[in-house]
């Protein structure tokens, strides 16, 4: 009886593996996925500061010292503008994505503003 159970489990595992091989995206599809590219903007520190205060201080603290989220007061010292833009756009971990809430230009302005914090 155990041989039949083991044979059945083996068959199910093989069928699942074959199904996943044909449904998961390949390297080419993953490589061609649209990645956010930061638009060219001139930093407006006052507007960026206002947006950061409106959207970020609840998790990152009023002085960006950290809280529920990591500290951002020196984030520019270890992350570049593109990396900050990508995280603000897509979110990361518990941080939500702001792509639908802010325009690409607003996100780029915030990324430039935070990158200056070194």
N, C-alpha and C. Protein backbone atom coordinates (compact mmCIF):
# COMPACT_ATOMS: atom_id res chain seq x y z
N UNK A 1 0.82 -1.19 0.00
CA UNK A 1 0.00 0.00 0.00
C UNK A 1 0.87 1.26 0.00
N UNK A 2 2.01 1.24 0.72
CA UNK A 2 2.87 2.41 0.77
C UNK A 2 3.47 2.72 -0.60
N UNK A 3 3.72 1.69 -1.41
CA UNK A 3 4.26 1.93 -2.74
C UNK A 3 3.28 2.75 -3.57
N UNK A 4 2.00 2.47 -3.45
CA UNK A 4 1.00 3.21 -4.21
C UNK A 4 0.92 4.66 -3.75
N UNK A 5 1.02 4.88 -2.45
CA UNK A 5 0.98 6.25 -1.93
C UNK A 5 2.21 7.02 -2.40
N UNK A 6 3.36 6.42 -2.29
CA UNK A 6 4.59 7.07 -2.72
C UNK A 6 4.57 7.33 -4.23
N UNK A 7 4.05 6.38 -4.99
CA UNK A 7 3.95 6.57 -6.44
C UNK A 7 3.01 7.73 -6.76
N UNK A 8 1.91 7.82 -6.05
CA UNK A 8 0.96 8.92 -6.26
C UNK A 8 1.57 10.27 -5.93
N UNK A 9 2.28 10.35 -4.81
CA UNK A 9 2.94 11.59 -4.43
C UNK A 9 4.00 11.99 -5.44
N UNK A 10 4.76 11.02 -5.92
CA UNK A 10 5.77 11.28 -6.92
C UNK A 10 5.14 11.82 -8.21
N UNK A 11 4.04 11.22 -8.61
CA UNK A 11 3.33 11.66 -9.82
C UNK A 11 2.80 13.09 -9.66
N UNK A 12 2.23 13.40 -8.50
CA UNK A 12 1.72 14.74 -8.25
C UNK A 12 2.87 15.76 -8.27
N UNK A 13 4.00 15.41 -7.64
CA UNK A 13 5.15 16.31 -7.62
C UNK A 13 5.67 16.56 -9.03
N UNK A 14 5.74 15.52 -9.85
CA UNK A 14 6.20 15.68 -11.23
C UNK A 14 5.24 16.54 -12.04
N UNK A 15 3.96 16.33 -11.85
CA UNK A 15 2.96 17.12 -12.57
C UNK A 15 3.04 18.59 -12.16
N UNK A 16 3.23 18.86 -10.88
CA UNK A 16 3.37 20.22 -10.40
C UNK A 16 4.63 20.88 -10.97
N UNK A 17 5.73 20.14 -11.01
CA UNK A 17 6.98 20.68 -11.56
C UNK A 17 6.82 21.02 -13.03
N UNK A 18 6.16 20.18 -13.78
CA UNK A 18 5.94 20.44 -15.22
C UNK A 18 5.03 21.66 -15.40
N UNK A 19 3.99 21.75 -14.59
CA UNK A 19 3.08 22.90 -14.69
C UNK A 19 3.82 24.20 -14.38
N UNK A 20 4.68 24.20 -13.37
CA UNK A 20 5.43 25.41 -13.02
C UNK A 20 6.44 25.78 -14.09
N UNK A 21 7.03 24.79 -14.75
CA UNK A 21 8.00 25.07 -15.81
C UNK A 21 7.36 25.86 -16.94
N UNK A 22 6.09 25.61 -17.22
CA UNK A 22 5.44 26.26 -18.34
C UNK A 22 4.69 27.53 -17.96
N UNK A 23 4.48 27.78 -16.67
CA UNK A 23 3.71 28.95 -16.28
C UNK A 23 4.56 30.07 -15.69
N UNK A 24 5.70 29.77 -15.09
CA UNK A 24 6.55 30.81 -14.52
C UNK A 24 7.29 31.57 -15.62
N UNK A 25 7.51 32.87 -15.43
CA UNK A 25 8.22 33.63 -16.45
C UNK A 25 9.68 33.19 -16.56
N UNK A 26 10.20 33.25 -17.77
CA UNK A 26 11.59 32.89 -18.01
C UNK A 26 12.51 34.08 -17.80
N UNK A 27 13.81 33.84 -17.99
CA UNK A 27 14.81 34.90 -17.82
C UNK A 27 14.54 36.07 -18.75
N UNK A 28 14.17 35.77 -19.99
CA UNK A 28 13.94 36.82 -20.97
C UNK A 28 12.77 37.71 -20.56
N UNK A 29 11.68 37.10 -20.08
CA UNK A 29 10.51 37.87 -19.69
C UNK A 29 10.82 38.73 -18.47
N UNK A 30 11.56 38.19 -17.52
CA UNK A 30 11.92 38.95 -16.33
C UNK A 30 12.85 40.10 -16.70
N UNK A 31 13.77 39.87 -17.62
CA UNK A 31 14.71 40.90 -18.04
C UNK A 31 14.00 42.05 -18.75
N UNK A 32 12.89 41.75 -19.43
CA UNK A 32 12.19 42.78 -20.19
C UNK A 32 11.07 43.45 -19.41
N UNK A 33 10.89 43.08 -18.13
CA UNK A 33 9.86 43.74 -17.33
C UNK A 33 10.21 45.21 -17.19
N UNK A 34 9.17 46.01 -17.14
CA UNK A 34 9.38 47.45 -17.05
C UNK A 34 9.91 47.81 -15.67
N UNK A 35 11.07 48.41 -15.64
CA UNK A 35 11.66 48.86 -14.39
C UNK A 35 11.48 50.37 -14.33
N UNK A 36 11.18 50.86 -13.13
CA UNK A 36 10.98 52.31 -13.05
C UNK A 36 12.26 53.07 -13.34
N UNK A 37 12.17 54.04 -14.22
CA UNK A 37 13.33 54.89 -14.49
C UNK A 37 12.99 56.29 -14.00
N UNK A 38 13.91 56.87 -13.30
CA UNK A 38 13.67 58.16 -12.68
C UNK A 38 13.65 59.27 -13.72
N UNK A 39 12.58 60.09 -13.73
CA UNK A 39 12.54 61.20 -14.68
C UNK A 39 13.51 62.30 -14.26
N UNK A 40 13.92 63.09 -15.22
CA UNK A 40 14.80 64.22 -14.95
C UNK A 40 13.98 65.34 -14.31
N UNK A 41 14.36 65.72 -13.10
CA UNK A 41 13.70 66.83 -12.41
C UNK A 41 14.75 67.68 -11.70
N UNK A 42 14.40 68.90 -11.45
CA UNK A 42 15.22 69.78 -10.63
C UNK A 42 14.64 69.73 -9.23
N UNK A 43 15.49 69.52 -8.24
CA UNK A 43 14.99 69.36 -6.89
C UNK A 43 14.37 70.65 -6.37
N UNK A 44 13.17 70.50 -5.85
CA UNK A 44 12.47 71.58 -5.16
C UNK A 44 12.40 71.15 -3.70
N UNK A 45 13.36 71.62 -2.89
CA UNK A 45 13.50 71.16 -1.51
C UNK A 45 12.25 71.45 -0.67
N UNK A 46 11.62 72.59 -0.89
CA UNK A 46 10.43 72.94 -0.11
C UNK A 46 9.28 71.99 -0.40
N UNK A 47 9.06 71.70 -1.67
CA UNK A 47 7.98 70.77 -2.05
C UNK A 47 8.29 69.36 -1.56
N UNK A 48 9.54 68.94 -1.69
CA UNK A 48 9.93 67.61 -1.24
C UNK A 48 9.78 67.50 0.27
N UNK A 49 10.19 68.53 1.01
CA UNK A 49 10.05 68.52 2.46
C UNK A 49 8.58 68.41 2.86
N UNK A 50 7.71 69.13 2.17
CA UNK A 50 6.28 69.07 2.46
C UNK A 50 5.72 67.67 2.18
N UNK A 51 6.14 67.06 1.08
CA UNK A 51 5.65 65.71 0.75
C UNK A 51 6.18 64.67 1.74
N UNK A 52 7.44 64.83 2.15
CA UNK A 52 8.01 63.91 3.14
C UNK A 52 7.25 64.04 4.45
N UNK A 53 6.96 65.26 4.87
CA UNK A 53 6.21 65.46 6.11
C UNK A 53 4.80 64.89 6.00
N UNK A 54 4.20 64.98 4.83
CA UNK A 54 2.85 64.47 4.65
C UNK A 54 2.80 62.95 4.55
N UNK A 55 3.84 62.34 4.01
CA UNK A 55 3.77 60.90 3.69
C UNK A 55 4.70 60.02 4.50
N UNK A 56 5.79 60.55 5.03
CA UNK A 56 6.85 59.69 5.56
C UNK A 56 7.05 59.73 7.07
N UNK A 57 6.69 60.86 7.71
CA UNK A 57 7.06 61.00 9.11
C UNK A 57 6.32 60.06 10.04
N UNK A 58 5.18 59.55 9.63
CA UNK A 58 4.44 58.64 10.51
C UNK A 58 5.23 57.35 10.76
N UNK A 59 6.05 56.94 9.81
CA UNK A 59 6.86 55.72 9.99
C UNK A 59 8.35 56.03 10.22
N UNK A 60 8.84 57.09 9.61
CA UNK A 60 10.28 57.37 9.66
C UNK A 60 10.65 58.47 10.65
N UNK A 61 9.68 59.03 11.36
CA UNK A 61 9.94 60.04 12.37
C UNK A 61 9.93 61.45 11.82
N UNK A 62 9.64 62.42 12.70
CA UNK A 62 9.52 63.81 12.26
C UNK A 62 10.86 64.43 11.84
N UNK A 63 11.96 63.88 12.31
CA UNK A 63 13.29 64.33 11.89
C UNK A 63 13.97 63.26 11.04
N UNK A 64 13.18 62.30 10.53
CA UNK A 64 13.66 61.17 9.73
C UNK A 64 14.65 60.31 10.52
N UNK A 65 14.51 60.31 11.84
CA UNK A 65 15.40 59.57 12.71
C UNK A 65 15.03 58.09 12.82
N UNK A 66 13.92 57.71 12.27
CA UNK A 66 13.49 56.32 12.32
C UNK A 66 12.36 56.16 13.33
N UNK A 67 11.73 55.05 13.27
CA UNK A 67 10.60 54.73 14.14
C UNK A 67 10.13 53.36 13.73
N UNK A 68 8.92 53.29 13.20
CA UNK A 68 8.43 52.01 12.67
C UNK A 68 9.23 51.63 11.43
N UNK A 69 9.70 52.63 10.70
CA UNK A 69 10.54 52.42 9.53
C UNK A 69 11.98 52.81 9.85
N UNK A 70 12.91 52.52 8.97
CA UNK A 70 14.31 52.85 9.23
C UNK A 70 14.57 54.35 9.19
N UNK A 71 15.68 54.76 9.77
CA UNK A 71 16.08 56.16 9.76
C UNK A 71 16.46 56.58 8.34
N UNK A 72 16.04 57.77 7.96
CA UNK A 72 16.35 58.30 6.64
C UNK A 72 17.20 59.56 6.72
N UNK A 73 17.60 59.94 7.93
CA UNK A 73 18.34 61.19 8.09
C UNK A 73 19.72 61.16 7.45
N UNK A 74 20.25 59.96 7.16
CA UNK A 74 21.55 59.85 6.48
C UNK A 74 21.48 58.82 5.34
N UNK A 75 20.30 58.65 4.77
CA UNK A 75 20.10 57.63 3.74
C UNK A 75 20.94 57.90 2.49
N UNK A 76 21.21 59.16 2.17
CA UNK A 76 22.00 59.50 0.99
C UNK A 76 23.44 59.06 1.08
N UNK A 77 23.91 58.76 2.28
CA UNK A 77 25.28 58.31 2.47
C UNK A 77 25.50 56.88 2.04
N UNK A 78 24.44 56.08 1.99
CA UNK A 78 24.62 54.68 1.61
C UNK A 78 23.68 54.19 0.51
N UNK A 79 22.87 55.08 -0.04
CA UNK A 79 22.01 54.72 -1.18
C UNK A 79 22.08 55.84 -2.20
N UNK A 80 22.06 55.45 -3.48
CA UNK A 80 22.04 56.48 -4.53
C UNK A 80 20.60 56.87 -4.85
N UNK A 81 20.46 57.90 -5.67
CA UNK A 81 19.15 58.45 -5.99
C UNK A 81 18.25 57.41 -6.66
N UNK A 82 18.80 56.64 -7.58
CA UNK A 82 18.00 55.63 -8.31
C UNK A 82 17.45 54.58 -7.34
N UNK A 83 18.25 54.14 -6.38
CA UNK A 83 17.80 53.14 -5.42
C UNK A 83 16.68 53.69 -4.54
N UNK A 84 16.83 54.93 -4.11
CA UNK A 84 15.78 55.57 -3.30
C UNK A 84 14.51 55.72 -4.12
N UNK A 85 14.64 56.13 -5.38
CA UNK A 85 13.49 56.28 -6.26
C UNK A 85 12.75 54.95 -6.43
N UNK A 86 13.50 53.90 -6.62
CA UNK A 86 12.90 52.57 -6.81
C UNK A 86 12.14 52.13 -5.57
N UNK A 87 12.71 52.35 -4.38
CA UNK A 87 12.04 51.94 -3.15
C UNK A 87 10.78 52.76 -2.91
N UNK A 88 10.86 54.07 -3.12
CA UNK A 88 9.67 54.90 -2.92
C UNK A 88 8.59 54.53 -3.94
N UNK A 89 8.97 54.24 -5.16
CA UNK A 89 8.00 53.87 -6.20
C UNK A 89 7.33 52.54 -5.92
N UNK A 90 8.15 51.51 -5.66
CA UNK A 90 7.65 50.14 -5.57
C UNK A 90 7.39 49.66 -4.15
N UNK A 91 7.93 50.37 -3.15
CA UNK A 91 7.83 49.90 -1.79
C UNK A 91 8.87 48.82 -1.54
N UNK A 92 9.03 48.47 -0.27
CA UNK A 92 9.98 47.42 0.10
C UNK A 92 9.64 46.94 1.49
N UNK A 93 9.52 45.65 1.64
CA UNK A 93 9.17 45.10 2.95
C UNK A 93 7.80 45.62 3.39
N UNK A 94 7.77 46.26 4.54
CA UNK A 94 6.50 46.80 5.07
C UNK A 94 6.15 48.16 4.47
N UNK A 95 7.09 48.79 3.77
CA UNK A 95 6.83 50.11 3.19
C UNK A 95 5.93 49.96 1.96
N UNK A 96 4.85 50.76 1.91
CA UNK A 96 3.97 50.68 0.74
C UNK A 96 4.58 51.39 -0.47
N UNK A 97 4.09 51.03 -1.63
CA UNK A 97 4.50 51.69 -2.86
C UNK A 97 3.74 53.00 -2.99
N UNK A 98 4.44 54.06 -3.40
CA UNK A 98 3.81 55.36 -3.58
C UNK A 98 3.57 55.68 -5.04
N UNK A 99 3.80 54.71 -5.94
CA UNK A 99 3.65 54.94 -7.39
C UNK A 99 2.26 55.43 -7.75
N UNK A 100 1.22 54.90 -7.17
CA UNK A 100 -0.14 55.32 -7.49
C UNK A 100 -0.59 56.55 -6.75
N UNK A 101 0.11 56.91 -5.68
CA UNK A 101 -0.30 58.05 -4.86
C UNK A 101 0.40 59.35 -5.25
N UNK A 102 1.63 59.24 -5.71
CA UNK A 102 2.42 60.40 -6.12
C UNK A 102 2.81 60.26 -7.58
N UNK A 103 3.04 61.37 -8.24
CA UNK A 103 3.50 61.32 -9.63
C UNK A 103 4.98 60.90 -9.66
N UNK A 104 5.44 60.48 -10.82
CA UNK A 104 6.86 60.10 -10.97
C UNK A 104 7.77 61.27 -10.65
N UNK A 105 7.36 62.47 -11.02
CA UNK A 105 8.17 63.66 -10.75
C UNK A 105 8.25 63.96 -9.26
N UNK A 106 7.13 63.77 -8.56
CA UNK A 106 7.13 63.98 -7.10
C UNK A 106 8.03 62.95 -6.41
N UNK A 107 7.95 61.71 -6.85
CA UNK A 107 8.80 60.66 -6.27
C UNK A 107 10.27 60.96 -6.56
N UNK A 108 10.57 61.42 -7.78
CA UNK A 108 11.96 61.77 -8.12
C UNK A 108 12.44 62.93 -7.26
N UNK A 109 11.58 63.90 -7.01
CA UNK A 109 11.95 65.04 -6.18
C UNK A 109 12.25 64.58 -4.74
N UNK A 110 11.43 63.68 -4.22
CA UNK A 110 11.66 63.12 -2.88
C UNK A 110 12.97 62.35 -2.86
N UNK A 111 13.24 61.56 -3.90
CA UNK A 111 14.48 60.78 -3.97
C UNK A 111 15.70 61.70 -3.98
N UNK A 112 15.64 62.79 -4.75
CA UNK A 112 16.75 63.76 -4.76
C UNK A 112 16.92 64.40 -3.40
N UNK A 113 15.81 64.74 -2.76
CA UNK A 113 15.83 65.37 -1.44
C UNK A 113 16.46 64.42 -0.42
N UNK A 114 16.04 63.17 -0.40
CA UNK A 114 16.58 62.21 0.56
C UNK A 114 18.04 61.86 0.26
N UNK A 115 18.41 61.85 -1.01
CA UNK A 115 19.80 61.55 -1.37
C UNK A 115 20.76 62.62 -0.87
N UNK A 116 20.26 63.83 -0.63
CA UNK A 116 21.09 64.91 -0.08
C UNK A 116 21.34 64.75 1.42
N UNK A 117 20.57 63.87 2.07
CA UNK A 117 20.76 63.64 3.50
C UNK A 117 21.89 62.64 3.70
N UNK A 118 23.07 63.16 3.98
CA UNK A 118 24.25 62.30 4.14
C UNK A 118 24.85 62.46 5.51
